[in-house]
Amino acid sequence: MDIIEISKVLSNVTRVNILKWLKEPEKNFPPHKDIEGFDDGVCVGNIQDKAGLSQSATSTYLSMMQNANLLIPSRHGKWTYYRRNEKVISEYIKLLSKEI
């Protein structure tokens, strides 16, 4: 785990908000049209709408978060869904508390 890379990703309020929203997706996003529940995460389009970002900015942010292992993608047809990687988030918090 790269504490610096994760910290860089978390240095942006919108990326932090995305993680917050994905913590309780049922409270922060509308139900999916094609799949039931939020076990596979939230559709990129719904994240984009809530964040108020362009498609390219949303994709860049989600890619950065995925590369830092904060998000886990799932494909459903042509759509990508993202959910939090709770294991990595927990390890990051423990490492911060140990190192700092």
PDB file of N, CA and C in Angstrom:
ATOM      1  N   MET A   1       0.852  -1.185   0.000  1.00  0.00           N
ATOM      2  CA  MET A   1       0.000   0.000   0.000  1.00  0.00           C
ATOM      3  C   MET A   1       0.888   1.234   0.000  1.00  0.00           C
ATOM      4  N   ASP A   2       0.550   2.166  -0.853  1.00  0.00           N
ATOM      5  CA  ASP A   2       1.313   3.405  -0.964  1.00  0.00           C
ATOM      6  C   ASP A   2       0.537   4.533  -0.288  1.00  0.00           C
ATOM      7  N   ILE A   3       0.938   4.841   0.935  1.00  0.00           N
ATOM      8  CA  ILE A   3       0.243   5.843   1.737  1.00  0.00           C
ATOM      9  C   ILE A   3       0.265   7.219   1.061  1.00  0.00           C
ATOM     10  N   ILE A   4       1.354   7.534   0.356  1.00  0.00           N
ATOM     11  CA  ILE A   4       1.467   8.830  -0.310  1.00  0.00           C
ATOM     12  C   ILE A   4       0.495   8.913  -1.480  1.00  0.00           C
ATOM     13  N   GLU A   5       0.438   7.873  -2.291  1.00  0.00           N
ATOM     14  CA  GLU A   5      -0.471   7.881  -3.451  1.00  0.00           C
ATOM     15  C   GLU A   5      -1.932   7.967  -3.015  1.00  0.00           C
ATOM     16  N   ILE A   6      -2.295   7.221  -1.998  1.00  0.00           N
ATOM     17  CA  ILE A   6      -3.679   7.286  -1.503  1.00  0.00           C
ATOM     18  C   ILE A   6      -3.957   8.679  -0.947  1.00  0.00           C
ATOM     19  N   SER A   7      -3.008   9.233  -0.226  1.00  0.00           N
ATOM     20  CA  SER A   7      -3.192  10.577   0.329  1.00  0.00           C
ATOM     21  C   SER A   7      -3.362  11.616  -0.778  1.00  0.00           C
ATOM     22  N   LYS A   8      -2.621  11.463  -1.873  1.00  0.00           N
ATOM     23  CA  LYS A   8      -2.775  12.369  -3.008  1.00  0.00           C
ATOM     24  C   LYS A   8      -4.183  12.280  -3.592  1.00  0.00           C
ATOM     25  N   VAL A   9      -4.662  11.068  -3.735  1.00  0.00           N
ATOM     26  CA  VAL A   9      -6.017  10.882  -4.274  1.00  0.00           C
ATOM     27  C   VAL A   9      -7.045  11.532  -3.348  1.00  0.00           C
ATOM     28  N   LEU A  10      -6.818  11.425  -2.059  1.00  0.00           N
ATOM     29  CA  LEU A  10      -7.765  11.967  -1.080  1.00  0.00           C
ATOM     30  C   LEU A  10      -7.582  13.461  -0.825  1.00  0.00           C
ATOM     31  N   SER A  11      -6.690  14.097  -1.571  1.00  0.00           N
ATOM     32  CA  SER A  11      -6.460  15.536  -1.388  1.00  0.00           C
ATOM     33  C   SER A  11      -7.459  16.387  -2.165  1.00  0.00           C
ATOM     34  N   ASN A  12      -8.475  15.762  -2.724  1.00  0.00           N
ATOM     35  CA  ASN A  12      -9.488  16.461  -3.516  1.00  0.00           C
ATOM     36  C   ASN A  12     -10.857  16.236  -2.875  1.00  0.00           C
ATOM     37  N   VAL A  13     -11.589  17.307  -2.616  1.00  0.00           N
ATOM     38  CA  VAL A  13     -12.865  17.200  -1.904  1.00  0.00           C
ATOM     39  C   VAL A  13     -13.884  16.350  -2.660  1.00  0.00           C
ATOM     40  N   THR A  14     -13.905  16.437  -3.976  1.00  0.00           N
ATOM     41  CA  THR A  14     -14.873  15.646  -4.741  1.00  0.00           C
ATOM     42  C   THR A  14     -14.562  14.161  -4.638  1.00  0.00           C
ATOM     43  N   ARG A  15     -13.289  13.796  -4.704  1.00  0.00           N
ATOM     44  CA  ARG A  15     -12.937  12.374  -4.568  1.00  0.00           C
ATOM     45  C   ARG A  15     -13.267  11.863  -3.176  1.00  0.00           C
ATOM     46  N   VAL A  16     -13.044  12.675  -2.162  1.00  0.00           N
ATOM     47  CA  VAL A  16     -13.418  12.287  -0.795  1.00  0.00           C
ATOM     48  C   VAL A  16     -14.937  12.143  -0.709  1.00  0.00           C
ATOM     49  N   ASN A  17     -15.668  13.081  -1.316  1.00  0.00           N
ATOM     50  CA  ASN A  17     -17.133  12.981  -1.312  1.00  0.00           C
ATOM     51  C   ASN A  17     -17.612  11.714  -1.996  1.00  0.00           C
ATOM     52  N   ILE A  18     -16.984  11.334  -3.100  1.00  0.00           N
ATOM     53  CA  ILE A  18     -17.374  10.097  -3.786  1.00  0.00           C
ATOM     54  C   ILE A  18     -17.237   8.913  -2.840  1.00  0.00           C
ATOM     55  N   LEU A  19     -16.134   8.852  -2.104  1.00  0.00           N
ATOM     56  CA  LEU A  19     -15.977   7.760  -1.128  1.00  0.00           C
ATOM     57  C   LEU A  19     -17.047   7.821  -0.046  1.00  0.00           C
ATOM     58  N   LYS A  20     -17.366   9.022   0.419  1.00  0.00           N
ATOM     59  CA  LYS A  20     -18.429   9.174   1.422  1.00  0.00           C
ATOM     60  C   LYS A  20     -19.766   8.689   0.865  1.00  0.00           C
ATOM     61  N   TRP A  21     -20.097   9.109  -0.351  1.00  0.00           N
ATOM     62  CA  TRP A  21     -21.375   8.716  -0.959  1.00  0.00           C
ATOM     63  C   TRP A  21     -21.452   7.211  -1.143  1.00  0.00           C
ATOM     64  N   LEU A  22     -20.335   6.602  -1.534  1.00  0.00           N
ATOM     65  CA  LEU A  22     -20.330   5.160  -1.785  1.00  0.00           C
ATOM     66  C   LEU A  22     -20.361   4.351  -0.491  1.00  0.00           C
ATOM     67  N   LYS A  23     -20.109   4.999   0.634  1.00  0.00           N
ATOM     68  CA  LYS A  23     -20.192   4.285   1.916  1.00  0.00           C
ATOM     69  C   LYS A  23     -21.629   3.855   2.187  1.00  0.00           C
ATOM     70  N   GLU A  24     -22.593   4.708   1.805  1.00  0.00           N
ATOM     71  CA  GLU A  24     -24.016   4.398   1.951  1.00  0.00           C
ATOM     72  C   GLU A  24     -24.731   4.717   0.640  1.00  0.00           C
ATOM     73  N   PRO A  25     -24.505   3.903  -0.380  1.00  0.00           N
ATOM     74  CA  PRO A  25     -25.044   4.231  -1.702  1.00  0.00           C
ATOM     75  C   PRO A  25     -26.566   4.311  -1.751  1.00  0.00           C
ATOM     76  N   GLU A  26     -27.237   3.506  -0.953  1.00  0.00           N
ATOM     77  CA  GLU A  26     -28.700   3.521  -0.975  1.00  0.00           C
ATOM     78  C   GLU A  26     -29.266   4.852  -0.496  1.00  0.00           C
ATOM     79  N   LYS A  27     -28.505   5.595   0.300  1.00  0.00           N
ATOM     80  CA  LYS A  27     -28.938   6.906   0.790  1.00  0.00           C
ATOM     81  C   LYS A  27     -28.539   8.040  -0.152  1.00  0.00           C
ATOM     82  N   ASN A  28     -27.556   7.785  -1.011  1.00  0.00           N
ATOM     83  CA  ASN A  28     -26.978   8.856  -1.816  1.00  0.00           C
ATOM     84  C   ASN A  28     -27.238   8.770  -3.310  1.00  0.00           C
ATOM     85  N   PHE A  29     -27.748   7.634  -3.782  1.00  0.00           N
ATOM     86  CA  PHE A  29     -27.968   7.454  -5.213  1.00  0.00           C
ATOM     87  C   PHE A  29     -29.339   6.835  -5.471  1.00  0.00           C
ATOM     88  N   PRO A  30     -29.904   7.115  -6.641  1.00  0.00           N
ATOM     89  CA  PRO A  30     -31.185   6.494  -6.988  1.00  0.00           C
ATOM     90  C   PRO A  30     -30.996   5.004  -7.255  1.00  0.00           C
ATOM     91  N   PRO A  31     -32.059   4.218  -7.165  1.00  0.00           N
ATOM     92  CA  PRO A  31     -31.941   2.781  -7.479  1.00  0.00           C
ATOM     93  C   PRO A  31     -31.497   2.590  -8.927  1.00  0.00           C
ATOM     94  N   HIS A  32     -30.789   1.487  -9.156  1.00  0.00           N
ATOM     95  CA  HIS A  32     -30.357   1.156 -10.509  1.00  0.00           C
ATOM     96  C   HIS A  32     -31.543   0.681 -11.332  1.00  0.00           C
ATOM     97  N   LYS A  33     -31.473   0.932 -12.624  1.00  0.00           N
ATOM     98  CA  LYS A  33     -32.529   0.484 -13.527  1.00  0.00           C
ATOM     99  C   LYS A  33     -32.355  -0.979 -13.917  1.00  0.00           C
ATOM    100  N   ASP A  34     -31.092  -1.404 -14.101  1.00  0.00           N
ATOM    101  CA  ASP A  34     -30.832  -2.727 -14.662  1.00  0.00           C
ATOM    102  C   ASP A  34     -30.461  -3.797 -13.652  1.00  0.00           C
ATOM    103  N   ILE A  35     -29.935  -3.398 -12.505  1.00  0.00           N
ATOM    104  CA  ILE A  35     -29.562  -4.392 -11.494  1.00  0.00           C
ATOM    105  C   ILE A  35     -30.191  -4.010 -10.162  1.00  0.00           C
ATOM    106  N   GLU A  36     -30.389  -5.015  -9.338  1.00  0.00           N
ATOM    107  CA  GLU A  36     -31.031  -4.782  -8.055  1.00  0.00           C
ATOM    108  C   GLU A  36     -29.986  -4.542  -6.971  1.00  0.00           C
ATOM    109  N   GLY A  37     -30.227  -3.564  -6.139  1.00  0.00           N
ATOM    110  CA  GLY A  37     -29.341  -3.279  -5.014  1.00  0.00           C
ATOM    111  C   GLY A  37     -28.045  -2.603  -5.426  1.00  0.00           C
ATOM    112  N   PHE A  38     -27.143  -2.520  -4.447  1.00  0.00           N
ATOM    113  CA  PHE A  38     -25.875  -1.824  -4.671  1.00  0.00           C
ATOM    114  C   PHE A  38     -24.673  -2.723  -4.385  1.00  0.00           C
ATOM    115  N   ASP A  39     -24.870  -4.050  -4.407  1.00  0.00           N
ATOM    116  CA  ASP A  39     -23.766  -4.955  -4.097  1.00  0.00           C
ATOM    117  C   ASP A  39     -22.579  -4.771  -5.029  1.00  0.00           C
ATOM    118  N   ASP A  40     -22.819  -4.437  -6.280  1.00  0.00           N
ATOM    119  CA  ASP A  40     -21.738  -4.222  -7.238  1.00  0.00           C
ATOM    120  C   ASP A  40     -21.323  -2.761  -7.331  1.00  0.00           C
ATOM    121  N   GLY A  41     -21.930  -1.916  -6.532  1.00  0.00           N
ATOM    122  CA  GLY A  41     -21.561  -0.507  -6.511  1.00  0.00           C
ATOM    123  C   GLY A  41     -22.579   0.380  -7.194  1.00  0.00           C
ATOM    124  N   VAL A  42     -22.107   1.512  -7.668  1.00  0.00           N
ATOM    125  CA  VAL A  42     -22.943   2.550  -8.261  1.00  0.00           C
ATOM    126  C   VAL A  42     -22.458   2.817  -9.676  1.00  0.00           C
ATOM    127  N   CYS A  43     -23.385   3.002 -10.582  1.00  0.00           N
ATOM    128  CA  CYS A  43     -23.076   3.279 -11.978  1.00  0.00           C
ATOM    129  C   CYS A  43     -22.335   4.620 -12.098  1.00  0.00           C
ATOM    130  N   VAL A  44     -21.362   4.651 -12.996  1.00  0.00           N
ATOM    131  CA  VAL A  44     -20.568   5.864 -13.213  1.00  0.00           C
ATOM    132  C   VAL A  44     -21.467   7.066 -13.503  1.00  0.00           C
ATOM    133  N   GLY A  45     -22.508   6.866 -14.294  1.00  0.00           N
ATOM    134  CA  GLY A  45     -23.409   7.969 -14.631  1.00  0.00           C
ATOM    135  C   GLY A  45     -24.048   8.602 -13.412  1.00  0.00           C
ATOM    136  N   ASN A  46     -24.420   7.780 -12.433  1.00  0.00           N
ATOM    137  CA  ASN A  46     -25.014   8.318 -11.208  1.00  0.00           C
ATOM    138  C   ASN A  46     -23.987   9.077 -10.376  1.00  0.00           C
ATOM    139  N   ILE A  47     -22.747   8.576 -10.357  1.00  0.00           N
ATOM    140  CA  ILE A  47     -21.677   9.279  -9.643  1.00  0.00           C
ATOM    141  C   ILE A  47     -21.420  10.626 -10.326  1.00  0.00           C
ATOM    142  N   GLN A  48     -21.371  10.615 -11.643  1.00  0.00           N
ATOM    143  CA  GLN A  48     -21.147  11.840 -12.409  1.00  0.00           C
ATOM    144  C   GLN A  48     -22.245  12.863 -12.135  1.00  0.00           C
ATOM    145  N   ASP A  49     -23.496  12.424 -12.157  1.00  0.00           N
ATOM    146  CA  ASP A  49     -24.616  13.339 -11.902  1.00  0.00           C
ATOM    147  C   ASP A  49     -24.516  13.973 -10.517  1.00  0.00           C
ATOM    148  N   LYS A  50     -24.233  13.158  -9.506  1.00  0.00           N
ATOM    149  CA  LYS A  50     -24.175  13.677  -8.135  1.00  0.00           C
ATOM    150  C   LYS A  50     -22.985  14.620  -7.956  1.00  0.00           C
ATOM    151  N   ALA A  51     -21.855  14.295  -8.586  1.00  0.00           N
ATOM    152  CA  ALA A  51     -20.660  15.125  -8.442  1.00  0.00           C
ATOM    153  C   ALA A  51     -20.737  16.406  -9.266  1.00  0.00           C
ATOM    154  N   GLY A  52     -21.599  16.409 -10.289  1.00  0.00           N
ATOM    155  CA  GLY A  52     -21.725  17.584 -11.145  1.00  0.00           C
ATOM    156  C   GLY A  52     -20.499  17.827 -12.013  1.00  0.00           C
ATOM    157  N   LEU A  53     -19.818  16.749 -12.371  1.00  0.00           N
ATOM    158  CA  LEU A  53     -18.608  16.843 -13.177  1.00  0.00           C
ATOM    159  C   LEU A  53     -18.873  16.406 -14.610  1.00  0.00           C
ATOM    160  N   SER A  54     -17.964  16.745 -15.496  1.00  0.00           N
ATOM    161  CA  SER A  54     -18.036  16.248 -16.869  1.00  0.00           C
ATOM    162  C   SER A  54     -17.728  14.751 -16.865  1.00  0.00           C
ATOM    163  N   GLN A  55     -18.047  14.103 -17.966  1.00  0.00           N
ATOM    164  CA  GLN A  55     -17.769  12.678 -18.095  1.00  0.00           C
ATOM    165  C   GLN A  55     -16.271  12.419 -17.985  1.00  0.00           C
ATOM    166  N   SER A  56     -15.468  13.248 -18.617  1.00  0.00           N
ATOM    167  CA  SER A  56     -14.015  13.021 -18.599  1.00  0.00           C
ATOM    168  C   SER A  56     -13.423  13.245 -17.206  1.00  0.00           C
ATOM    169  N   ALA A  57     -13.882  14.266 -16.505  1.00  0.00           N
ATOM    170  CA  ALA A  57     -13.389  14.508 -15.141  1.00  0.00           C
ATOM    171  C   ALA A  57     -13.793  13.370 -14.215  1.00  0.00           C
ATOM    172  N   THR A  58     -15.035  12.914 -14.342  1.00  0.00           N
ATOM    173  CA  THR A  58     -15.507  11.789 -13.519  1.00  0.00           C
ATOM    174  C   THR A  58     -14.662  10.556 -13.789  1.00  0.00           C
ATOM    175  N   SER A  59     -14.436  10.245 -15.051  1.00  0.00           N
ATOM    176  CA  SER A  59     -13.622   9.076 -15.412  1.00  0.00           C
ATOM    177  C   SER A  59     -12.204   9.188 -14.865  1.00  0.00           C
ATOM    178  N   THR A  60     -11.632  10.381 -14.948  1.00  0.00           N
ATOM    179  CA  THR A  60     -10.286  10.593 -14.424  1.00  0.00           C
ATOM    180  C   THR A  60     -10.249  10.357 -12.924  1.00  0.00           C
ATOM    181  N   TYR A  61     -11.198  10.929 -12.211  1.00  0.00           N
ATOM    182  CA  TYR A  61     -11.248  10.760 -10.753  1.00  0.00           C
ATOM    183  C   TYR A  61     -11.426   9.300 -10.367  1.00  0.00           C
ATOM    184  N   LEU A  62     -12.358   8.620 -11.015  1.00  0.00           N
ATOM    185  CA  LEU A  62     -12.615   7.220 -10.678  1.00  0.00           C
ATOM    186  C   LEU A  62     -11.420   6.344 -11.023  1.00  0.00           C
ATOM    187  N   SER A  63     -10.751   6.647 -12.108  1.00  0.00           N
ATOM    188  CA  SER A  63      -9.547   5.909 -12.490  1.00  0.00           C
ATOM    189  C   SER A  63      -8.444   6.091 -11.454  1.00  0.00           C
ATOM    190  N   MET A  64      -8.244   7.310 -11.003  1.00  0.00           N
ATOM    191  CA  MET A  64      -7.245   7.583  -9.967  1.00  0.00           C
ATOM    192  C   MET A  64      -7.568   6.796  -8.692  1.00  0.00           C
ATOM    193  N   MET A  65      -8.826   6.785  -8.331  1.00  0.00           N
ATOM    194  CA  MET A  65      -9.245   6.088  -7.116  1.00  0.00           C
ATOM    195  C   MET A  65      -9.095   4.579  -7.271  1.00  0.00           C
ATOM    196  N   GLN A  66      -9.396   4.082  -8.458  1.00  0.00           N
ATOM    197  CA  GLN A  66      -9.222   2.655  -8.728  1.00  0.00           C
ATOM    198  C   GLN A  66      -7.734   2.287  -8.705  1.00  0.00           C
ATOM    199  N   ASN A  67      -6.890   3.107  -9.320  1.00  0.00           N
ATOM    200  CA  ASN A  67      -5.447   2.839  -9.338  1.00  0.00           C
ATOM    201  C   ASN A  67      -4.843   2.846  -7.942  1.00  0.00           C
ATOM    202  N   ALA A  68      -5.433   3.598  -7.026  1.00  0.00           N
ATOM    203  CA  ALA A  68      -4.987   3.614  -5.630  1.00  0.00           C
ATOM    204  C   ALA A  68      -5.651   2.496  -4.826  1.00  0.00           C
ATOM    205  N   ASN A  69      -6.431   1.667  -5.493  1.00  0.00           N
ATOM    206  CA  ASN A  69      -7.147   0.532  -4.884  1.00  0.00           C
ATOM    207  C   ASN A  69      -8.220   0.945  -3.886  1.00  0.00           C
ATOM    208  N   LEU A  70      -8.715   2.175  -4.002  1.00  0.00           N
ATOM    209  CA  LEU A  70      -9.797   2.618  -3.120  1.00  0.00           C
ATOM    210  C   LEU A  70     -11.159   2.181  -3.635  1.00  0.00           C
ATOM    211  N   LEU A  71     -11.243   1.888  -4.932  1.00  0.00           N
ATOM    212  CA  LEU A  71     -12.499   1.472  -5.548  1.00  0.00           C
ATOM    213  C   LEU A  71     -12.329   0.155  -6.284  1.00  0.00           C
ATOM    214  N   ILE A  72     -13.414  -0.602  -6.339  1.00  0.00           N
ATOM    215  CA  ILE A  72     -13.452  -1.862  -7.070  1.00  0.00           C
ATOM    216  C   ILE A  72     -14.493  -1.721  -8.173  1.00  0.00           C
ATOM    217  N   PRO A  73     -14.074  -1.897  -9.434  1.00  0.00           N
ATOM    218  CA  PRO A  73     -15.030  -1.789 -10.546  1.00  0.00           C
ATOM    219  C   PRO A  73     -15.721  -3.119 -10.831  1.00  0.00           C
ATOM    220  N   SER A  74     -16.932  -3.039 -11.363  1.00  0.00           N
ATOM    221  CA  SER A  74     -17.674  -4.202 -11.856  1.00  0.00           C
ATOM    222  C   SER A  74     -18.315  -3.807 -13.168  1.00  0.00           C
ATOM    223  N   ARG A  75     -18.221  -4.663 -14.163  1.00  0.00           N
ATOM    224  CA  ARG A  75     -18.827  -4.387 -15.474  1.00  0.00           C
ATOM    225  C   ARG A  75     -20.164  -5.112 -15.575  1.00  0.00           C
ATOM    226  N   HIS A  76     -21.148  -4.397 -16.073  1.00  0.00           N
ATOM    227  CA  HIS A  76     -22.461  -4.953 -16.399  1.00  0.00           C
ATOM    228  C   HIS A  76     -22.785  -4.458 -17.800  1.00  0.00           C
ATOM    229  N   GLY A  77     -22.551  -5.318 -18.784  1.00  0.00           N
ATOM    230  CA  GLY A  77     -22.743  -4.894 -20.160  1.00  0.00           C
ATOM    231  C   GLY A  77     -21.772  -3.777 -20.481  1.00  0.00           C
ATOM    232  N   LYS A  78     -22.306  -2.677 -20.968  1.00  0.00           N
ATOM    233  CA  LYS A  78     -21.438  -1.542 -21.306  1.00  0.00           C
ATOM    234  C   LYS A  78     -21.225  -0.587 -20.136  1.00  0.00           C
ATOM    235  N   TRP A  79     -21.811  -0.878 -18.987  1.00  0.00           N
ATOM    236  CA  TRP A  79     -21.736   0.028 -17.841  1.00  0.00           C
ATOM    237  C   TRP A  79     -20.736  -0.471 -16.808  1.00  0.00           C
ATOM    238  N   THR A  80     -20.056   0.483 -16.172  1.00  0.00           N
ATOM    239  CA  THR A  80     -19.150   0.166 -15.069  1.00  0.00           C
ATOM    240  C   THR A  80     -19.749   0.699 -13.773  1.00  0.00           C
ATOM    241  N   TYR A  81     -19.680  -0.125 -12.761  1.00  0.00           N
ATOM    242  CA  TYR A  81     -20.156   0.218 -11.422  1.00  0.00           C
ATOM    243  C   TYR A  81     -18.961   0.201 -10.477  1.00  0.00           C
ATOM    244  N   TYR A  82     -18.977   1.100  -9.509  1.00  0.00           N
ATOM    245  CA  TYR A  82     -17.881   1.183  -8.547  1.00  0.00           C
ATOM    246  C   TYR A  82     -18.405   1.046  -7.127  1.00  0.00           C
ATOM    247  N   ARG A  83     -17.613   0.321  -6.323  1.00  0.00           N
ATOM    248  CA  ARG A  83     -17.889   0.238  -4.885  1.00  0.00           C
ATOM    249  C   ARG A  83     -16.571   0.453  -4.141  1.00  0.00           C
ATOM    250  N   ARG A  84     -16.690   0.792  -2.901  1.00  0.00           N
ATOM    251  CA  ARG A  84     -15.505   1.036  -2.068  1.00  0.00           C
ATOM    252  C   ARG A  84     -14.746  -0.259  -1.814  1.00  0.00           C
ATOM    253  N   ASN A  85     -13.435  -0.156  -1.704  1.00  0.00           N
ATOM    254  CA  ASN A  85     -12.600  -1.276  -1.298  1.00  0.00           C
ATOM    255  C   ASN A  85     -12.367  -1.109   0.206  1.00  0.00           C
ATOM    256  N   GLU A  86     -13.274  -1.661   0.979  1.00  0.00           N
ATOM    257  CA  GLU A  86     -13.256  -1.457   2.432  1.00  0.00           C
ATOM    258  C   GLU A  86     -11.969  -1.966   3.075  1.00  0.00           C
ATOM    259  N   LYS A  87     -11.407  -3.041   2.541  1.00  0.00           N
ATOM    260  CA  LYS A  87     -10.179  -3.593   3.102  1.00  0.00           C
ATOM    261  C   LYS A  87      -9.035  -2.585   2.983  1.00  0.00           C
ATOM    262  N   VAL A  88      -8.848  -2.001   1.811  1.00  0.00           N
ATOM    263  CA  VAL A  88      -7.766  -1.045   1.600  1.00  0.00           C
ATOM    264  C   VAL A  88      -8.004   0.232   2.411  1.00  0.00           C
ATOM    265  N   ILE A  89      -9.246   0.694   2.454  1.00  0.00           N
ATOM    266  CA  ILE A  89      -9.560   1.900   3.235  1.00  0.00           C
ATOM    267  C   ILE A  89      -9.235   1.671   4.705  1.00  0.00           C
ATOM    268  N   SER A  90      -9.607   0.522   5.233  1.00  0.00           N
ATOM    269  CA  SER A  90      -9.318   0.195   6.632  1.00  0.00           C
ATOM    270  C   SER A  90      -7.812   0.097   6.884  1.00  0.00           C
ATOM    271  N   GLU A  91      -7.088  -0.555   5.966  1.00  0.00           N
ATOM    272  CA  GLU A  91      -5.634  -0.674   6.109  1.00  0.00           C
ATOM    273  C   GLU A  91      -4.964   0.693   6.054  1.00  0.00           C
ATOM    274  N   TYR A  92      -5.450   1.561   5.194  1.00  0.00           N
ATOM    275  CA  TYR A  92      -4.904   2.914   5.072  1.00  0.00           C
ATOM    276  C   TYR A  92      -5.091   3.679   6.387  1.00  0.00           C
ATOM    277  N   ILE A  93      -6.272   3.601   6.954  1.00  0.00           N
ATOM    278  CA  ILE A  93      -6.549   4.302   8.213  1.00  0.00           C
ATOM    279  C   ILE A  93      -5.648   3.762   9.325  1.00  0.00           C
ATOM    280  N   LYS A  94      -5.485   2.449   9.389  1.00  0.00           N
ATOM    281  CA  LYS A  94      -4.603   1.839  10.413  1.00  0.00           C
ATOM    282  C   LYS A  94      -3.159   2.272  10.205  1.00  0.00           C
ATOM    283  N   LEU A  95      -2.711   2.294   8.949  1.00  0.00           N
ATOM    284  CA  LEU A  95      -1.340   2.690   8.653  1.00  0.00           C
ATOM    285  C   LEU A  95      -1.110   4.162   9.014  1.00  0.00           C
ATOM    286  N   LEU A  96      -2.075   5.010   8.710  1.00  0.00           N
ATOM    287  CA  LEU A  96      -1.954   6.424   9.099  1.00  0.00           C
ATOM    288  C   LEU A  96      -1.814   6.555  10.603  1.00  0.00           C
ATOM    289  N   SER A  97      -2.637   5.843  11.322  1.00  0.00           N
ATOM    290  CA  SER A  97      -2.608   5.941  12.773  1.00  0.00           C
ATOM    291  C   SER A  97      -1.293   5.403  13.345  1.00  0.00           C
ATOM    292  N   LYS A  98      -0.727   4.416  12.691  1.00  0.00           N
ATOM    293  CA  LYS A  98       0.556   3.844  13.149  1.00  0.00           C
ATOM    294  C   LYS A  98       1.738   4.737  12.785  1.00  0.00           C
ATOM    295  N   GLU A  99       1.724   5.287  11.574  1.00  0.00           N
ATOM    296  CA  GLU A  99       2.870   6.025  11.050  1.00  0.00           C
ATOM    297  C   GLU A  99       2.904   7.491  11.480  1.00  0.00           C
ATOM    298  N   ILE A 100       1.756   8.077  11.720  1.00  0.00           N
ATOM    299  CA  ILE A 100       1.738   9.515  11.997  1.00  0.00           C
ATOM    300  C   ILE A 100       1.363   9.774  13.453  1.00  0.00           C
TER     301      ILE A 100
END
